[in-house]
């Protein structure tokens, strides 16, 4: 058990050091959602004519409504960027050293996911702090109850990125795949507008948003920020996490022969 915990701590520490040494990554993770929050929110609200009355019986402004969606954006982008580093590690050879250790491969991959998720949590809480300085404050208890929701969302989206990285052999190719995954998942969700507004526009798009796992992750975060529990979103997020993490472990299984470059 000591070896398992030591390896997990070492991997998480390595992820943290990499993040600290990449200051531009931290700044970019905050600038992107702040631009959406402070610049585009007013335009979206005016163009869509949105009046938000969430199911937890509290009236909030549109800017406050999209805060959970932008938290999800941070987690989504960080999950993909962490997986991008795996492709780089594989090309440099450090990934081979990690995955050929005597510990189970699934444990090493889970530690990698946990490390990237903890980095996402730091970014999200800094974003919530900055949003609070601009008057977009959540209930005090919500900052506590949202922690497990953010962690689960981080594992889910990190698992998706990890699976995608198992299919990509070149660093250049992964950047294109990221764009085909990130933007459809983000825009075809409830991150920026309520699902009922999407249903008014197109039932087809509404169904796509409903089956989008990112939608359920955002709804889980949204309810948790108001100290509420969305059972449906939680169950869907747990199922999606299991599927994505399972696919990632399967993708890095040497028996598949897809990782011939590792050794």
C-alpha atoms as a PDB file:
ATOM      1  CA  UNK A   1       0.000   0.000   0.000  1.00  0.00           C
ATOM      2  CA  UNK A   2       2.898   2.349   0.752  1.00  0.00           C
ATOM      3  CA  UNK A   3       4.248   1.930  -2.776  1.00  0.00           C
ATOM      4  CA  UNK A   4       0.824   2.749  -4.230  1.00  0.00           C
ATOM      5  CA  UNK A   5       0.442   5.925  -2.172  1.00  0.00           C
ATOM      6  CA  UNK A   6       4.031   6.981  -2.828  1.00  0.00           C
ATOM      7  CA  UNK A   7       3.630   6.577  -6.563  1.00  0.00           C
ATOM      8  CA  UNK A   8       0.355   8.520  -6.516  1.00  0.00           C
ATOM      9  CA  UNK A   9       1.902  11.356  -4.558  1.00  0.00           C
ATOM     10  CA  UNK A  10       4.928  11.439  -6.880  1.00  0.00           C
ATOM     11  CA  UNK A  11       2.753  11.651  -9.988  1.00  0.00           C
ATOM     12  CA  UNK A  12       0.514  14.345  -8.477  1.00  0.00           C
ATOM     13  CA  UNK A  13       3.586  16.290  -7.347  1.00  0.00           C
ATOM     14  CA  UNK A  14       5.081  16.037 -10.836  1.00  0.00           C
ATOM     15  CA  UNK A  15       1.858  17.363 -12.354  1.00  0.00           C
ATOM     16  CA  UNK A  16       1.880  20.223  -9.874  1.00  0.00           C
ATOM     17  CA  UNK A  17       5.485  21.146 -10.637  1.00  0.00           C
ATOM     18  CA  UNK A  18       4.793  21.077 -14.352  1.00  0.00           C
ATOM     19  CA  UNK A  19       1.824  23.366 -13.832  1.00  0.00           C
ATOM     20  CA  UNK A  20       3.832  25.802 -11.681  1.00  0.00           C
ATOM     21  CA  UNK A  21       6.562  26.007 -14.316  1.00  0.00           C
ATOM     22  CA  UNK A  22       3.978  26.748 -17.019  1.00  0.00           C
ATOM     23  CA  UNK A  23       2.652  30.069 -15.728  1.00  0.00           C
ATOM     24  CA  UNK A  24       1.174  31.002 -19.083  1.00  0.00           C
ATOM     25  CA  UNK A  25      -1.063  27.936 -18.832  1.00  0.00           C
ATOM     26  CA  UNK A  26      -2.491  29.211 -15.538  1.00  0.00           C
ATOM     27  CA  UNK A  27      -3.046  32.705 -16.936  1.00  0.00           C
ATOM     28  CA  UNK A  28      -4.708  31.343 -20.083  1.00  0.00           C
ATOM     29  CA  UNK A  29      -6.983  29.134 -17.988  1.00  0.00           C
ATOM     30  CA  UNK A  30      -8.268  32.238 -16.167  1.00  0.00           C
ATOM     31  CA  UNK A  31      -8.320  34.766 -19.013  1.00  0.00           C
ATOM     32  CA  UNK A  32     -10.501  32.592 -21.252  1.00  0.00           C
ATOM     33  CA  UNK A  33     -13.494  32.240 -18.882  1.00  0.00           C
ATOM     34  CA  UNK A  34     -13.137  35.820 -17.613  1.00  0.00           C
ATOM     35  CA  UNK A  35     -13.477  37.112 -21.177  1.00  0.00           C
ATOM     36  CA  UNK A  36     -16.627  35.047 -21.599  1.00  0.00           C
ATOM     37  CA  UNK A  37     -17.933  36.236 -18.262  1.00  0.00           C
ATOM     38  CA  UNK A  38     -17.251  39.955 -18.535  1.00  0.00           C
ATOM     39  CA  UNK A  39     -17.442  40.606 -22.266  1.00  0.00           C
ATOM     40  CA  UNK A  40     -19.700  38.055 -23.931  1.00  0.00           C
ATOM     41  CA  UNK A  41     -22.219  37.549 -21.118  1.00  0.00           C
ATOM     42  CA  UNK A  42     -23.917  40.892 -21.660  1.00  0.00           C
ATOM     43  CA  UNK A  43     -24.125  40.306 -25.405  1.00  0.00           C
ATOM     44  CA  UNK A  44     -25.519  36.791 -25.001  1.00  0.00           C
ATOM     45  CA  UNK A  45     -28.119  37.983 -22.532  1.00  0.00           C
ATOM     46  CA  UNK A  46     -29.240  40.824 -24.769  1.00  0.00           C
ATOM     47  CA  UNK A  47     -29.273  38.732 -27.960  1.00  0.00           C
ATOM     48  CA  UNK A  48     -31.078  35.749 -26.435  1.00  0.00           C
ATOM     49  CA  UNK A  49     -33.358  37.698 -24.136  1.00  0.00           C
ATOM     50  CA  UNK A  50     -32.605  35.326 -21.289  1.00  0.00           C
ATOM     51  CA  UNK A  51     -34.325  35.578 -17.948  1.00  0.00           C
ATOM     52  CA  UNK A  52     -32.945  32.841 -15.729  1.00  0.00           C
ATOM     53  CA  UNK A  53     -35.041  31.195 -13.051  1.00  0.00           C
ATOM     54  CA  UNK A  54     -33.142  28.057 -12.085  1.00  0.00           C
ATOM     55  CA  UNK A  55     -34.900  25.020 -10.623  1.00  0.00           C
ATOM     56  CA  UNK A  56     -33.518  25.738  -7.151  1.00  0.00           C
ATOM     57  CA  UNK A  57     -36.046  28.564  -6.744  1.00  0.00           C
ATOM     58  CA  UNK A  58     -33.540  31.430  -6.788  1.00  0.00           C
ATOM     59  CA  UNK A  59     -33.469  34.270  -9.266  1.00  0.00           C
ATOM     60  CA  UNK A  60     -29.993  34.964 -10.572  1.00  0.00           C
ATOM     61  CA  UNK A  61     -28.514  37.104 -13.306  1.00  0.00           C
ATOM     62  CA  UNK A  62     -27.287  35.620 -16.547  1.00  0.00           C
ATOM     63  CA  UNK A  63     -23.702  36.340 -15.559  1.00  0.00           C
ATOM     64  CA  UNK A  64     -24.127  34.293 -12.392  1.00  0.00           C
ATOM     65  CA  UNK A  65     -25.880  31.554 -14.340  1.00  0.00           C
ATOM     66  CA  UNK A  66     -22.922  30.946 -16.645  1.00  0.00           C
ATOM     67  CA  UNK A  67     -20.325  30.886 -13.842  1.00  0.00           C
ATOM     68  CA  UNK A  68     -20.775  27.085 -13.373  1.00  0.00           C
ATOM     69  CA  UNK A  69     -20.538  26.598 -17.128  1.00  0.00           C
ATOM     70  CA  UNK A  70     -17.275  28.506 -17.218  1.00  0.00           C
ATOM     71  CA  UNK A  71     -16.017  26.387 -14.312  1.00  0.00           C
ATOM     72  CA  UNK A  72     -16.754  23.409 -16.536  1.00  0.00           C
ATOM     73  CA  UNK A  73     -14.886  25.125 -19.376  1.00  0.00           C
ATOM     74  CA  UNK A  74     -11.777  25.397 -17.203  1.00  0.00           C
ATOM     75  CA  UNK A  75     -11.966  21.708 -16.308  1.00  0.00           C
ATOM     76  CA  UNK A  76     -12.591  20.700 -19.919  1.00  0.00           C
ATOM     77  CA  UNK A  77      -9.632  22.645 -21.318  1.00  0.00           C
ATOM     78  CA  UNK A  78      -7.311  21.556 -18.527  1.00  0.00           C
ATOM     79  CA  UNK A  79      -8.279  17.903 -19.000  1.00  0.00           C
ATOM     80  CA  UNK A  80      -7.422  18.111 -22.672  1.00  0.00           C
ATOM     81  CA  UNK A  81      -4.181  19.988 -22.054  1.00  0.00           C
ATOM     82  CA  UNK A  82      -3.078  17.425 -19.473  1.00  0.00           C
ATOM     83  CA  UNK A  83      -3.719  14.680 -21.995  1.00  0.00           C
ATOM     84  CA  UNK A  84      -1.759  16.643 -24.565  1.00  0.00           C
ATOM     85  CA  UNK A  85       1.213  16.437 -22.220  1.00  0.00           C
ATOM     86  CA  UNK A  86       0.873  12.643 -22.280  1.00  0.00           C
ATOM     87  CA  UNK A  87       1.376  12.641 -26.038  1.00  0.00           C
ATOM     88  CA  UNK A  88       4.474  14.795 -25.526  1.00  0.00           C
ATOM     89  CA  UNK A  89       5.743  12.494 -22.749  1.00  0.00           C
ATOM     90  CA  UNK A  90       5.288   9.506 -25.028  1.00  0.00           C
ATOM     91  CA  UNK A  91       7.337  11.137 -27.777  1.00  0.00           C
ATOM     92  CA  UNK A  92      10.070  12.052 -25.268  1.00  0.00           C
ATOM     93  CA  UNK A  93      10.129   8.551 -23.721  1.00  0.00           C
ATOM     94  CA  UNK A  94       9.169   9.499 -20.148  1.00  0.00           C
ATOM     95  CA  UNK A  95       5.754   7.885 -20.570  1.00  0.00           C
ATOM     96  CA  UNK A  96       7.429   4.547 -21.240  1.00  0.00           C
ATOM     97  CA  UNK A  97       9.320   4.761 -17.945  1.00  0.00           C
ATOM     98  CA  UNK A  98       6.095   5.473 -16.085  1.00  0.00           C
ATOM     99  CA  UNK A  99       3.985   2.725 -17.613  1.00  0.00           C
ATOM    100  CA  UNK A 100       6.696   0.055 -17.316  1.00  0.00           C
ATOM    101  CA  UNK A 101       6.877   0.389 -13.521  1.00  0.00           C
ATOM    102  CA  UNK A 102       5.878  -2.682 -11.463  1.00  0.00           C
ATOM    103  CA  UNK A 103       2.666  -1.002 -10.259  1.00  0.00           C
ATOM    104  CA  UNK A 104      -0.618  -1.680 -12.085  1.00  0.00           C
ATOM    105  CA  UNK A 105      -1.133   0.442 -15.157  1.00  0.00           C
ATOM    106  CA  UNK A 106      -4.653   1.442 -14.114  1.00  0.00           C
ATOM    107  CA  UNK A 107      -3.336   2.842 -10.842  1.00  0.00           C
ATOM    108  CA  UNK A 108      -0.721   4.972 -12.608  1.00  0.00           C
ATOM    109  CA  UNK A 109      -3.288   6.313 -15.038  1.00  0.00           C
ATOM    110  CA  UNK A 110      -5.721   7.056 -12.214  1.00  0.00           C
ATOM    111  CA  UNK A 111      -2.983   8.945 -10.342  1.00  0.00           C
ATOM    112  CA  UNK A 112      -2.349  10.933 -13.514  1.00  0.00           C
ATOM    113  CA  UNK A 113      -6.064  11.755 -13.746  1.00  0.00           C
ATOM    114  CA  UNK A 114      -6.228  12.724 -10.092  1.00  0.00           C
ATOM    115  CA  UNK A 115      -3.243  15.023 -10.468  1.00  0.00           C
ATOM    116  CA  UNK A 116      -4.744  16.853 -13.434  1.00  0.00           C
ATOM    117  CA  UNK A 117      -8.098  17.084 -11.623  1.00  0.00           C
ATOM    118  CA  UNK A 118      -6.487  18.710  -8.586  1.00  0.00           C
ATOM    119  CA  UNK A 119      -4.889  21.294 -10.870  1.00  0.00           C
ATOM    120  CA  UNK A 120      -8.319  21.977 -12.365  1.00  0.00           C
ATOM    121  CA  UNK A 121      -9.717  22.527  -8.876  1.00  0.00           C
ATOM    122  CA  UNK A 122      -7.063  25.160  -8.125  1.00  0.00           C
ATOM    123  CA  UNK A 123      -7.865  26.968 -11.358  1.00  0.00           C
ATOM    124  CA  UNK A 124     -11.615  26.866 -10.744  1.00  0.00           C
ATOM    125  CA  UNK A 125     -11.394  28.227  -7.206  1.00  0.00           C
ATOM    126  CA  UNK A 126      -9.137  31.083  -8.335  1.00  0.00           C
ATOM    127  CA  UNK A 127     -11.687  31.849 -11.064  1.00  0.00           C
ATOM    128  CA  UNK A 128     -14.527  31.816  -8.511  1.00  0.00           C
ATOM    129  CA  UNK A 129     -12.526  34.192  -6.331  1.00  0.00           C
ATOM    130  CA  UNK A 130     -12.009  36.625  -9.209  1.00  0.00           C
ATOM    131  CA  UNK A 131     -15.687  36.324 -10.223  1.00  0.00           C
ATOM    132  CA  UNK A 132     -16.648  37.122  -6.633  1.00  0.00           C
ATOM    133  CA  UNK A 133     -14.584  40.320  -6.792  1.00  0.00           C
ATOM    134  CA  UNK A 134     -16.799  41.383  -9.696  1.00  0.00           C
ATOM    135  CA  UNK A 135     -19.940  40.788  -7.655  1.00  0.00           C
ATOM    136  CA  UNK A 136     -20.806  37.290  -8.877  1.00  0.00           C
ATOM    137  CA  UNK A 137     -20.930  35.637  -5.472  1.00  0.00           C
ATOM    138  CA  UNK A 138     -22.364  32.200  -4.736  1.00  0.00           C
ATOM    139  CA  UNK A 139     -23.812  31.031  -1.411  1.00  0.00           C
ATOM    140  CA  UNK A 140     -20.938  30.518   1.063  1.00  0.00           C
ATOM    141  CA  UNK A 141     -21.782  26.843   1.552  1.00  0.00           C
ATOM    142  CA  UNK A 142     -21.728  26.349  -2.205  1.00  0.00           C
ATOM    143  CA  UNK A 143     -17.973  26.813  -2.339  1.00  0.00           C
ATOM    144  CA  UNK A 144     -17.671  23.745  -0.116  1.00  0.00           C
ATOM    145  CA  UNK A 145     -20.365  21.538  -1.636  1.00  0.00           C
ATOM    146  CA  UNK A 146     -19.050  22.145  -5.161  1.00  0.00           C
ATOM    147  CA  UNK A 147     -15.696  20.495  -4.378  1.00  0.00           C
ATOM    148  CA  UNK A 148     -16.778  16.853  -4.985  1.00  0.00           C
ATOM    149  CA  UNK A 149     -18.715  17.914  -8.085  1.00  0.00           C
ATOM    150  CA  UNK A 150     -15.617  19.603  -9.515  1.00  0.00           C
ATOM    151  CA  UNK A 151     -13.469  16.579  -8.687  1.00  0.00           C
ATOM    152  CA  UNK A 152     -15.875  14.178 -10.387  1.00  0.00           C
ATOM    153  CA  UNK A 153     -16.111  16.437 -13.439  1.00  0.00           C
ATOM    154  CA  UNK A 154     -12.319  16.612 -13.552  1.00  0.00           C
ATOM    155  CA  UNK A 155     -12.003  12.829 -13.512  1.00  0.00           C
ATOM    156  CA  UNK A 156     -14.669  12.485 -16.197  1.00  0.00           C
ATOM    157  CA  UNK A 157     -13.197  15.016 -18.631  1.00  0.00           C
ATOM    158  CA  UNK A 158      -9.650  13.982 -17.825  1.00  0.00           C
ATOM    159  CA  UNK A 159     -10.594  10.377 -18.594  1.00  0.00           C
ATOM    160  CA  UNK A 160     -11.978  11.467 -21.950  1.00  0.00           C
ATOM    161  CA  UNK A 161      -8.770  13.338 -22.765  1.00  0.00           C
ATOM    162  CA  UNK A 162      -6.680  10.402 -21.618  1.00  0.00           C
ATOM    163  CA  UNK A 163      -8.573   8.055 -23.923  1.00  0.00           C
ATOM    164  CA  UNK A 164      -8.125  10.422 -26.863  1.00  0.00           C
ATOM    165  CA  UNK A 165      -4.413  10.640 -26.157  1.00  0.00           C
ATOM    166  CA  UNK A 166      -4.185   6.843 -26.369  1.00  0.00           C
ATOM    167  CA  UNK A 167      -5.423   7.013 -29.968  1.00  0.00           C
ATOM    168  CA  UNK A 168      -3.101   9.794 -31.122  1.00  0.00           C
ATOM    169  CA  UNK A 169       0.507   9.047 -32.007  1.00  0.00           C
ATOM    170  CA  UNK A 170       1.705  12.516 -33.002  1.00  0.00           C
ATOM    171  CA  UNK A 171       1.549  15.743 -31.029  1.00  0.00           C
ATOM    172  CA  UNK A 172       0.405  17.752 -34.037  1.00  0.00           C
ATOM    173  CA  UNK A 173      -2.629  15.545 -34.590  1.00  0.00           C
ATOM    174  CA  UNK A 174      -3.883  15.866 -31.022  1.00  0.00           C
ATOM    175  CA  UNK A 175      -4.348  19.636 -31.290  1.00  0.00           C
ATOM    176  CA  UNK A 176      -6.826  19.150 -34.130  1.00  0.00           C
ATOM    177  CA  UNK A 177      -8.693  16.426 -32.271  1.00  0.00           C
ATOM    178  CA  UNK A 178      -9.009  18.727 -29.253  1.00  0.00           C
ATOM    179  CA  UNK A 179     -10.840  21.330 -31.328  1.00  0.00           C
ATOM    180  CA  UNK A 180     -13.279  18.737 -32.636  1.00  0.00           C
ATOM    181  CA  UNK A 181     -14.037  17.627 -29.066  1.00  0.00           C
ATOM    182  CA  UNK A 182     -13.835  20.744 -26.896  1.00  0.00           C
ATOM    183  CA  UNK A 183     -15.975  23.175 -28.839  1.00  0.00           C
ATOM    184  CA  UNK A 184     -18.882  20.821 -29.689  1.00  0.00           C
ATOM    185  CA  UNK A 185     -18.991  19.593 -26.075  1.00  0.00           C
ATOM    186  CA  UNK A 186     -18.963  23.130 -24.725  1.00  0.00           C
ATOM    187  CA  UNK A 187     -21.435  24.821 -27.057  1.00  0.00           C
ATOM    188  CA  UNK A 188     -23.827  21.854 -27.232  1.00  0.00           C
ATOM    189  CA  UNK A 189     -24.415  21.952 -23.488  1.00  0.00           C
ATOM    190  CA  UNK A 190     -26.147  24.059 -20.855  1.00  0.00           C
ATOM    191  CA  UNK A 191     -22.939  25.930 -20.033  1.00  0.00           C
ATOM    192  CA  UNK A 192     -24.046  29.184 -21.704  1.00  0.00           C
ATOM    193  CA  UNK A 193     -27.823  28.891 -21.938  1.00  0.00           C
ATOM    194  CA  UNK A 194     -30.594  26.791 -20.362  1.00  0.00           C
ATOM    195  CA  UNK A 195     -31.704  23.625 -22.075  1.00  0.00           C
ATOM    196  CA  UNK A 196     -35.259  24.942 -22.369  1.00  0.00           C
ATOM    197  CA  UNK A 197     -33.912  27.776 -24.513  1.00  0.00           C
ATOM    198  CA  UNK A 198     -32.201  25.248 -26.758  1.00  0.00           C
ATOM    199  CA  UNK A 199     -35.466  23.258 -27.008  1.00  0.00           C
ATOM    200  CA  UNK A 200     -37.234  26.372 -28.295  1.00  0.00           C
ATOM    201  CA  UNK A 201     -34.684  26.614 -31.087  1.00  0.00           C
ATOM    202  CA  UNK A 202     -34.300  22.974 -32.156  1.00  0.00           C
ATOM    203  CA  UNK A 203     -35.444  19.679 -30.690  1.00  0.00           C
ATOM    204  CA  UNK A 204     -32.544  17.909 -32.388  1.00  0.00           C
ATOM    205  CA  UNK A 205     -29.988  20.169 -30.734  1.00  0.00           C
ATOM    206  CA  UNK A 206     -31.854  19.797 -27.459  1.00  0.00           C
ATOM    207  CA  UNK A 207     -31.524  16.007 -27.630  1.00  0.00           C
ATOM    208  CA  UNK A 208     -27.826  16.296 -28.449  1.00  0.00           C
ATOM    209  CA  UNK A 209     -27.333  18.590 -25.452  1.00  0.00           C
ATOM    210  CA  UNK A 210     -29.264  16.176 -23.252  1.00  0.00           C
ATOM    211  CA  UNK A 211     -26.990  13.255 -24.167  1.00  0.00           C
ATOM    212  CA  UNK A 212     -23.843  15.368 -23.904  1.00  0.00           C
ATOM    213  CA  UNK A 213     -22.009  14.244 -20.726  1.00  0.00           C
ATOM    214  CA  UNK A 214     -20.574  17.737 -20.336  1.00  0.00           C
ATOM    215  CA  UNK A 215     -24.123  19.048 -19.877  1.00  0.00           C
ATOM    216  CA  UNK A 216     -24.641  16.812 -16.856  1.00  0.00           C
ATOM    217  CA  UNK A 217     -21.252  17.780 -15.425  1.00  0.00           C
ATOM    218  CA  UNK A 218     -22.173  21.466 -15.704  1.00  0.00           C
ATOM    219  CA  UNK A 219     -25.601  20.901 -14.147  1.00  0.00           C
ATOM    220  CA  UNK A 220     -24.019  18.966 -11.300  1.00  0.00           C
ATOM    221  CA  UNK A 221     -21.616  21.861 -10.677  1.00  0.00           C
ATOM    222  CA  UNK A 222     -24.403  24.444 -11.024  1.00  0.00           C
ATOM    223  CA  UNK A 223     -26.590  22.799  -8.394  1.00  0.00           C
ATOM    224  CA  UNK A 224     -23.621  22.136  -6.099  1.00  0.00           C
ATOM    225  CA  UNK A 225     -22.648  25.826  -6.164  1.00  0.00           C
ATOM    226  CA  UNK A 226     -26.070  26.531  -4.674  1.00  0.00           C
ATOM    227  CA  UNK A 227     -25.663  23.734  -2.100  1.00  0.00           C
ATOM    228  CA  UNK A 228     -28.185  21.580  -3.972  1.00  0.00           C
ATOM    229  CA  UNK A 229     -27.847  17.998  -5.194  1.00  0.00           C
ATOM    230  CA  UNK A 230     -28.886  17.056  -8.721  1.00  0.00           C
ATOM    231  CA  UNK A 231     -29.228  13.276  -8.529  1.00  0.00           C
ATOM    232  CA  UNK A 232     -29.770  12.804 -12.264  1.00  0.00           C
ATOM    233  CA  UNK A 233     -26.710  14.848 -13.254  1.00  0.00           C
ATOM    234  CA  UNK A 234     -24.625  13.063 -10.619  1.00  0.00           C
ATOM    235  CA  UNK A 235     -25.603   9.592 -11.844  1.00  0.00           C
ATOM    236  CA  UNK A 236     -24.946  10.474 -15.483  1.00  0.00           C
ATOM    237  CA  UNK A 237     -21.585  12.003 -14.545  1.00  0.00           C
ATOM    238  CA  UNK A 238     -20.578   8.898 -12.588  1.00  0.00           C
ATOM    239  CA  UNK A 239     -21.539   6.652 -15.504  1.00  0.00           C
ATOM    240  CA  UNK A 240     -19.662   8.828 -17.988  1.00  0.00           C
ATOM    241  CA  UNK A 241     -16.611   8.865 -15.710  1.00  0.00           C
ATOM    242  CA  UNK A 242     -16.638   5.066 -15.517  1.00  0.00           C
ATOM    243  CA  UNK A 243     -16.921   4.768 -19.294  1.00  0.00           C
ATOM    244  CA  UNK A 244     -14.198   7.314 -20.097  1.00  0.00           C
ATOM    245  CA  UNK A 245     -11.755   6.050 -17.485  1.00  0.00           C
ATOM    246  CA  UNK A 246     -12.413   2.463 -18.594  1.00  0.00           C
ATOM    247  CA  UNK A 247     -11.757   3.420 -22.217  1.00  0.00           C
ATOM    248  CA  UNK A 248      -8.550   5.196 -21.196  1.00  0.00           C
ATOM    249  CA  UNK A 249      -7.265   2.109 -19.359  1.00  0.00           C
ATOM    250  CA  UNK A 250      -8.238  -0.037 -22.333  1.00  0.00           C
ATOM    251  CA  UNK A 251      -6.536   2.418 -24.705  1.00  0.00           C
ATOM    252  CA  UNK A 252      -3.259   2.147 -22.804  1.00  0.00           C
ATOM    253  CA  UNK A 253      -3.402  -1.626 -22.586  1.00  0.00           C
ATOM    254  CA  UNK A 254      -0.192  -2.916 -24.223  1.00  0.00           C
ATOM    255  CA  UNK A 255      -2.027  -6.054 -25.333  1.00  0.00           C
ATOM    256  CA  UNK A 256      -3.953  -3.963 -27.866  1.00  0.00           C
ATOM    257  CA  UNK A 257      -0.785  -3.167 -29.719  1.00  0.00           C
ATOM    258  CA  UNK A 258      -1.725   0.503 -30.074  1.00  0.00           C
ATOM    259  CA  UNK A 259       1.210   1.569 -27.970  1.00  0.00           C
ATOM    260  CA  UNK A 260       3.992  -0.073 -29.930  1.00  0.00           C
ATOM    261  CA  UNK A 261       5.909   3.179 -29.684  1.00  0.00           C
ATOM    262  CA  UNK A 262       6.201   2.787 -25.906  1.00  0.00           C
ATOM    263  CA  UNK A 263       8.616  -0.054 -26.079  1.00  0.00           C
END
